[in-house]
Amino acid sequence: MKYVRSVLFPVAPLCLLLLVSTASYAKGGADRTQFNRDIHVQEGETTGDLTCINCSIYVRGQAAGDVTAFHGNVTIETGANVAGDVTAIWGNVRDESGTQVAGDLTAIAGAVRRDPEASVAGDVTALQGTRWVLAIILPPLIFFGVIVALIVFFVVRSGNRRLVPAYVQPGSQANTRA
């Protein structure tokens, strides 16, 4: 009995945690994430957050969260609603007429093509050209490179200590054998 209690005591909280996390995942299961495969939200369909890496997103229905594409385009088609922000990094954003975006519309290293009849509650920002991605990514990489170079410099420097020759009295012969 003691053995069963000692085994079940640490396992029971883990099972409870797994059950709670599974229930919370099922509640927010409308989120979609894709790699190298386009996301299509059809008319009448409702989703949560949409994230696409190396692919594009096409929204005709409703997105209750943010829509983000990295190295891909985002197209908000006629009649679509997005409750969050729309962001494309290394891609374009196209917002057709009759659409509603509750957040910001942003394209980094891409263009924003927005119909005048499209409704955007937040800011519309387009940082065209790849120089913006370089401006965002390059400084931290340079900083990290300098830190690594300094570490390597100090490690190599501490390992290259040379022996100082011992004092040799005048008139005596130094031992030259190594």
C-alpha atoms as a PDB file:
ATOM      1  CA  MET A   1       0.000   0.000   0.000  1.00  0.00           C
ATOM      2  CA  LYS A   2       2.838   2.349   0.831  1.00  0.00           C
ATOM      3  CA  TYR A   3       4.489   1.614  -2.517  1.00  0.00           C
ATOM      4  CA  VAL A   4       1.262   2.319  -4.472  1.00  0.00           C
ATOM      5  CA  ARG A   5       0.757   5.605  -2.632  1.00  0.00           C
ATOM      6  CA  SER A   6       4.358   6.710  -3.281  1.00  0.00           C
ATOM      7  CA  VAL A   7       4.028   5.938  -6.997  1.00  0.00           C
ATOM      8  CA  LEU A   8       0.585   7.507  -7.458  1.00  0.00           C
ATOM      9  CA  PHE A   9       1.323  10.686  -5.518  1.00  0.00           C
ATOM     10  CA  PRO A  10       3.676  12.244  -8.137  1.00  0.00           C
ATOM     11  CA  VAL A  11       1.738  10.781 -11.092  1.00  0.00           C
ATOM     12  CA  ALA A  12      -1.717  12.099 -10.111  1.00  0.00           C
ATOM     13  CA  PRO A  13      -0.845  15.828 -10.426  1.00  0.00           C
ATOM     14  CA  LEU A  14       0.780  15.172 -13.785  1.00  0.00           C
ATOM     15  CA  CYS A  15      -2.358  13.421 -15.057  1.00  0.00           C
ATOM     16  CA  LEU A  16      -4.522  16.289 -13.778  1.00  0.00           C
ATOM     17  CA  LEU A  17      -2.243  18.830 -15.495  1.00  0.00           C
ATOM     18  CA  LEU A  18      -2.426  16.852 -18.741  1.00  0.00           C
ATOM     19  CA  LEU A  19      -6.223  16.720 -18.546  1.00  0.00           C
ATOM     20  CA  VAL A  20      -6.538  20.479 -17.931  1.00  0.00           C
ATOM     21  CA  SER A  21      -4.083  21.353 -20.723  1.00  0.00           C
ATOM     22  CA  THR A  22      -5.936  19.075 -23.151  1.00  0.00           C
ATOM     23  CA  ALA A  23      -9.243  20.746 -22.320  1.00  0.00           C
ATOM     24  CA  SER A  24      -7.794  24.219 -22.801  1.00  0.00           C
ATOM     25  CA  TYR A  25      -6.250  23.146 -26.101  1.00  0.00           C
ATOM     26  CA  ALA A  26      -9.595  21.847 -27.345  1.00  0.00           C
ATOM     27  CA  LYS A  27     -11.247  25.160 -26.447  1.00  0.00           C
ATOM     28  CA  GLY A  28      -8.763  27.202 -28.532  1.00  0.00           C
ATOM     29  CA  GLY A  29      -8.382  24.604 -31.269  1.00  0.00           C
ATOM     30  CA  ALA A  30      -9.388  27.043 -34.004  1.00  0.00           C
ATOM     31  CA  ASP A  31      -5.842  28.422 -34.272  1.00  0.00           C
ATOM     32  CA  ARG A  32      -3.907  27.288 -37.325  1.00  0.00           C
ATOM     33  CA  THR A  33      -0.185  27.141 -38.005  1.00  0.00           C
ATOM     34  CA  GLN A  34       1.268  25.923 -41.311  1.00  0.00           C
ATOM     35  CA  PHE A  35       4.736  25.496 -42.757  1.00  0.00           C
ATOM     36  CA  ASN A  36       5.180  25.565 -46.569  1.00  0.00           C
ATOM     37  CA  ARG A  37       1.422  25.106 -47.145  1.00  0.00           C
ATOM     38  CA  ASP A  38      -1.119  27.890 -47.739  1.00  0.00           C
ATOM     39  CA  ILE A  39      -3.966  28.553 -45.296  1.00  0.00           C
ATOM     40  CA  HIS A  40      -7.447  29.128 -46.740  1.00  0.00           C
ATOM     41  CA  VAL A  41     -10.299  30.341 -44.518  1.00  0.00           C
ATOM     42  CA  GLN A  42     -13.514  29.800 -46.460  1.00  0.00           C
ATOM     43  CA  GLU A  43     -16.634  31.968 -46.340  1.00  0.00           C
ATOM     44  CA  GLY A  44     -18.676  31.245 -43.204  1.00  0.00           C
ATOM     45  CA  GLU A  45     -15.697  29.653 -41.438  1.00  0.00           C
ATOM     46  CA  THR A  46     -14.366  31.110 -38.162  1.00  0.00           C
ATOM     47  CA  THR A  47     -10.799  30.588 -36.947  1.00  0.00           C
ATOM     48  CA  GLY A  48      -8.508  31.923 -34.244  1.00  0.00           C
ATOM     49  CA  ASP A  49      -4.925  33.016 -34.856  1.00  0.00           C
ATOM     50  CA  LEU A  50      -3.460  32.168 -38.259  1.00  0.00           C
ATOM     51  CA  THR A  51       0.295  31.739 -38.624  1.00  0.00           C
ATOM     52  CA  CYS A  52       1.996  30.739 -41.848  1.00  0.00           C
ATOM     53  CA  ILE A  53       5.733  30.288 -42.391  1.00  0.00           C
ATOM     54  CA  ASN A  54       6.959  30.186 -45.983  1.00  0.00           C
ATOM     55  CA  CYS A  55       3.384  30.215 -47.321  1.00  0.00           C
ATOM     56  CA  SER A  56       0.398  32.529 -47.861  1.00  0.00           C
ATOM     57  CA  ILE A  57      -2.910  33.127 -46.063  1.00  0.00           C
ATOM     58  CA  TYR A  58      -6.258  33.720 -47.815  1.00  0.00           C
ATOM     59  CA  VAL A  59      -9.149  34.842 -45.586  1.00  0.00           C
ATOM     60  CA  ARG A  60     -12.762  34.870 -46.856  1.00  0.00           C
ATOM     61  CA  GLY A  61     -14.428  34.106 -43.521  1.00  0.00           C
ATOM     62  CA  GLN A  62     -13.639  35.350 -40.027  1.00  0.00           C
ATOM     63  CA  ALA A  63     -10.377  35.285 -38.103  1.00  0.00           C
ATOM     64  CA  ALA A  64     -10.929  35.906 -34.390  1.00  0.00           C
ATOM     65  CA  GLY A  65      -7.214  36.506 -33.772  1.00  0.00           C
ATOM     66  CA  ASP A  66      -4.068  37.742 -35.498  1.00  0.00           C
ATOM     67  CA  VAL A  67      -3.078  36.806 -39.041  1.00  0.00           C
ATOM     68  CA  THR A  68       0.692  36.496 -39.548  1.00  0.00           C
ATOM     69  CA  ALA A  69       2.694  35.299 -42.567  1.00  0.00           C
ATOM     70  CA  PHE A  70       6.478  35.043 -42.649  1.00  0.00           C
ATOM     71  CA  HIS A  71       7.863  34.868 -46.196  1.00  0.00           C
ATOM     72  CA  GLY A  72       4.376  34.824 -47.666  1.00  0.00           C
ATOM     73  CA  ASN A  73       1.418  37.004 -48.608  1.00  0.00           C
ATOM     74  CA  VAL A  74      -1.818  37.757 -46.754  1.00  0.00           C
ATOM     75  CA  THR A  75      -5.007  38.325 -48.742  1.00  0.00           C
ATOM     76  CA  ILE A  76      -8.131  39.512 -46.937  1.00  0.00           C
ATOM     77  CA  GLU A  77     -10.857  38.842 -49.506  1.00  0.00           C
ATOM     78  CA  THR A  78     -14.212  40.614 -49.931  1.00  0.00           C
ATOM     79  CA  GLY A  79     -16.537  40.137 -46.968  1.00  0.00           C
ATOM     80  CA  ALA A  80     -13.839  38.863 -44.582  1.00  0.00           C
ATOM     81  CA  ASN A  81     -13.401  40.015 -40.967  1.00  0.00           C
ATOM     82  CA  VAL A  82     -10.197  39.928 -38.922  1.00  0.00           C
ATOM     83  CA  ALA A  83     -10.453  40.711 -35.192  1.00  0.00           C
ATOM     84  CA  GLY A  84      -6.701  41.144 -34.652  1.00  0.00           C
ATOM     85  CA  ASP A  85      -3.639  42.423 -36.480  1.00  0.00           C
ATOM     86  CA  VAL A  86      -2.604  41.436 -40.001  1.00  0.00           C
ATOM     87  CA  THR A  87       1.169  41.141 -40.528  1.00  0.00           C
ATOM     88  CA  ALA A  88       3.289  39.951 -43.443  1.00  0.00           C
ATOM     89  CA  ILE A  89       7.064  39.744 -43.119  1.00  0.00           C
ATOM     90  CA  TRP A  90       8.827  39.384 -46.473  1.00  0.00           C
ATOM     91  CA  GLY A  91       5.462  39.420 -48.187  1.00  0.00           C
ATOM     92  CA  ASN A  92       2.575  41.611 -49.310  1.00  0.00           C
ATOM     93  CA  VAL A  93      -0.789  42.360 -47.715  1.00  0.00           C
ATOM     94  CA  ARG A  94      -3.853  42.794 -49.939  1.00  0.00           C
ATOM     95  CA  ASP A  95      -7.053  44.104 -48.375  1.00  0.00           C
ATOM     96  CA  GLU A  96     -10.029  43.974 -50.758  1.00  0.00           C
ATOM     97  CA  SER A  97     -13.228  46.048 -50.610  1.00  0.00           C
ATOM     98  CA  GLY A  98     -15.833  45.292 -47.978  1.00  0.00           C
ATOM     99  CA  THR A  99     -13.365  43.816 -45.482  1.00  0.00           C
ATOM    100  CA  GLN A 100     -12.958  44.724 -41.817  1.00  0.00           C
ATOM    101  CA  VAL A 101      -9.707  44.567 -39.872  1.00  0.00           C
ATOM    102  CA  ALA A 102      -9.979  45.479 -36.170  1.00  0.00           C
ATOM    103  CA  GLY A 103      -6.213  45.796 -35.641  1.00  0.00           C
ATOM    104  CA  ASP A 104      -3.186  47.032 -37.547  1.00  0.00           C
ATOM    105  CA  LEU A 105      -2.257  46.202 -41.136  1.00  0.00           C
ATOM    106  CA  THR A 106       1.529  45.790 -41.496  1.00  0.00           C
ATOM    107  CA  ALA A 107       3.894  44.626 -44.242  1.00  0.00           C
ATOM    108  CA  ILE A 108       7.614  44.434 -43.498  1.00  0.00           C
ATOM    109  CA  ALA A 109       9.780  44.059 -46.616  1.00  0.00           C
ATOM    110  CA  GLY A 110       6.597  44.050 -48.665  1.00  0.00           C
ATOM    111  CA  ALA A 111       3.726  46.236 -49.842  1.00  0.00           C
ATOM    112  CA  VAL A 112       0.208  46.959 -48.588  1.00  0.00           C
ATOM    113  CA  ARG A 113      -2.480  47.086 -51.279  1.00  0.00           C
ATOM    114  CA  ARG A 114      -5.639  48.348 -49.634  1.00  0.00           C
ATOM    115  CA  ASP A 115      -8.949  49.075 -51.306  1.00  0.00           C
ATOM    116  CA  PRO A 116     -10.408  52.448 -50.252  1.00  0.00           C
ATOM    117  CA  GLU A 117     -13.632  50.718 -49.181  1.00  0.00           C
ATOM    118  CA  ALA A 118     -11.798  48.382 -46.797  1.00  0.00           C
ATOM    119  CA  SER A 119     -12.137  49.202 -43.097  1.00  0.00           C
ATOM    120  CA  VAL A 120      -8.992  49.141 -40.926  1.00  0.00           C
ATOM    121  CA  ALA A 121      -9.350  50.289 -37.302  1.00  0.00           C
ATOM    122  CA  GLY A 122      -5.604  50.398 -36.566  1.00  0.00           C
ATOM    123  CA  ASP A 123      -2.534  51.726 -38.343  1.00  0.00           C
ATOM    124  CA  VAL A 124      -1.551  50.785 -41.880  1.00  0.00           C
ATOM    125  CA  THR A 125       2.225  50.417 -42.210  1.00  0.00           C
ATOM    126  CA  ALA A 126       4.354  49.282 -45.145  1.00  0.00           C
ATOM    127  CA  LEU A 127       8.117  49.038 -44.780  1.00  0.00           C
ATOM    128  CA  GLN A 128       8.937  48.216 -48.381  1.00  0.00           C
ATOM    129  CA  GLY A 129      12.228  46.676 -49.409  1.00  0.00           C
ATOM    130  CA  THR A 130      14.445  44.090 -47.777  1.00  0.00           C
ATOM    131  CA  ARG A 131      16.571  46.720 -46.053  1.00  0.00           C
ATOM    132  CA  TRP A 132      13.998  46.804 -43.251  1.00  0.00           C
ATOM    133  CA  VAL A 133      14.439  43.127 -42.484  1.00  0.00           C
ATOM    134  CA  LEU A 134      18.199  43.632 -42.519  1.00  0.00           C
ATOM    135  CA  ALA A 135      17.818  46.629 -40.206  1.00  0.00           C
ATOM    136  CA  ILE A 136      15.823  44.507 -37.772  1.00  0.00           C
ATOM    137  CA  ILE A 137      17.911  41.313 -37.915  1.00  0.00           C
ATOM    138  CA  LEU A 138      21.471  42.538 -38.529  1.00  0.00           C
ATOM    139  CA  PRO A 139      22.181  44.617 -35.371  1.00  0.00           C
ATOM    140  CA  PRO A 140      21.472  41.761 -32.922  1.00  0.00           C
ATOM    141  CA  LEU A 141      23.579  39.411 -35.063  1.00  0.00           C
ATOM    142  CA  ILE A 142      26.466  41.875 -35.091  1.00  0.00           C
ATOM    143  CA  PHE A 143      26.182  42.337 -31.324  1.00  0.00           C
ATOM    144  CA  PHE A 144      26.166  38.558 -30.795  1.00  0.00           C
ATOM    145  CA  GLY A 145      29.184  38.209 -33.113  1.00  0.00           C
ATOM    146  CA  VAL A 146      31.150  40.817 -31.152  1.00  0.00           C
ATOM    147  CA  ILE A 147      30.371  39.020 -27.876  1.00  0.00           C
ATOM    148  CA  VAL A 148      31.523  35.670 -29.329  1.00  0.00           C
ATOM    149  CA  ALA A 149      34.686  37.297 -30.739  1.00  0.00           C
ATOM    150  CA  LEU A 150      35.529  38.789 -27.329  1.00  0.00           C
ATOM    151  CA  ILE A 151      35.013  35.447 -25.605  1.00  0.00           C
ATOM    152  CA  VAL A 152      37.226  33.691 -28.148  1.00  0.00           C
ATOM    153  CA  PHE A 153      39.861  36.436 -27.833  1.00  0.00           C
ATOM    154  CA  PHE A 154      40.044  36.136 -24.040  1.00  0.00           C
ATOM    155  CA  VAL A 155      40.066  32.327 -24.075  1.00  0.00           C
ATOM    156  CA  VAL A 156      42.877  32.203 -26.652  1.00  0.00           C
ATOM    157  CA  ARG A 157      44.777  34.918 -24.833  1.00  0.00           C
ATOM    158  CA  SER A 158      44.602  33.085 -21.503  1.00  0.00           C
ATOM    159  CA  GLY A 159      45.838  29.861 -23.139  1.00  0.00           C
ATOM    160  CA  ASN A 160      48.905  31.448 -24.802  1.00  0.00           C
ATOM    161  CA  ARG A 161      50.954  32.184 -21.707  1.00  0.00           C
ATOM    162  CA  ARG A 162      54.602  31.826 -22.449  1.00  0.00           C
ATOM    163  CA  LEU A 163      57.174  30.756 -19.946  1.00  0.00           C
ATOM    164  CA  VAL A 164      59.445  33.531 -18.796  1.00  0.00           C
ATOM    165  CA  PRO A 165      63.113  32.496 -18.939  1.00  0.00           C
ATOM    166  CA  ALA A 166      64.736  32.040 -15.571  1.00  0.00           C
ATOM    167  CA  TYR A 167      67.432  34.424 -14.458  1.00  0.00           C
ATOM    168  CA  VAL A 168      70.905  33.250 -15.443  1.00  0.00           C
ATOM    169  CA  GLN A 169      73.827  34.472 -13.388  1.00  0.00           C
ATOM    170  CA  PRO A 170      76.634  36.072 -15.325  1.00  0.00           C
ATOM    171  CA  GLY A 171      79.486  33.732 -15.958  1.00  0.00           C
ATOM    172  CA  SER A 172      77.330  30.580 -15.766  1.00  0.00           C
ATOM    173  CA  GLN A 173      76.063  28.758 -18.785  1.00  0.00           C
ATOM    174  CA  ALA A 174      72.291  28.444 -19.275  1.00  0.00           C
ATOM    175  CA  ASN A 175      70.808  25.017 -19.855  1.00  0.00           C
ATOM    176  CA  THR A 176      69.537  25.111 -23.464  1.00  0.00           C
ATOM    177  CA  ARG A 177      67.970  21.669 -23.515  1.00  0.00           C
ATOM    178  CA  ALA A 178      64.226  21.679 -23.508  1.00  0.00           C
END
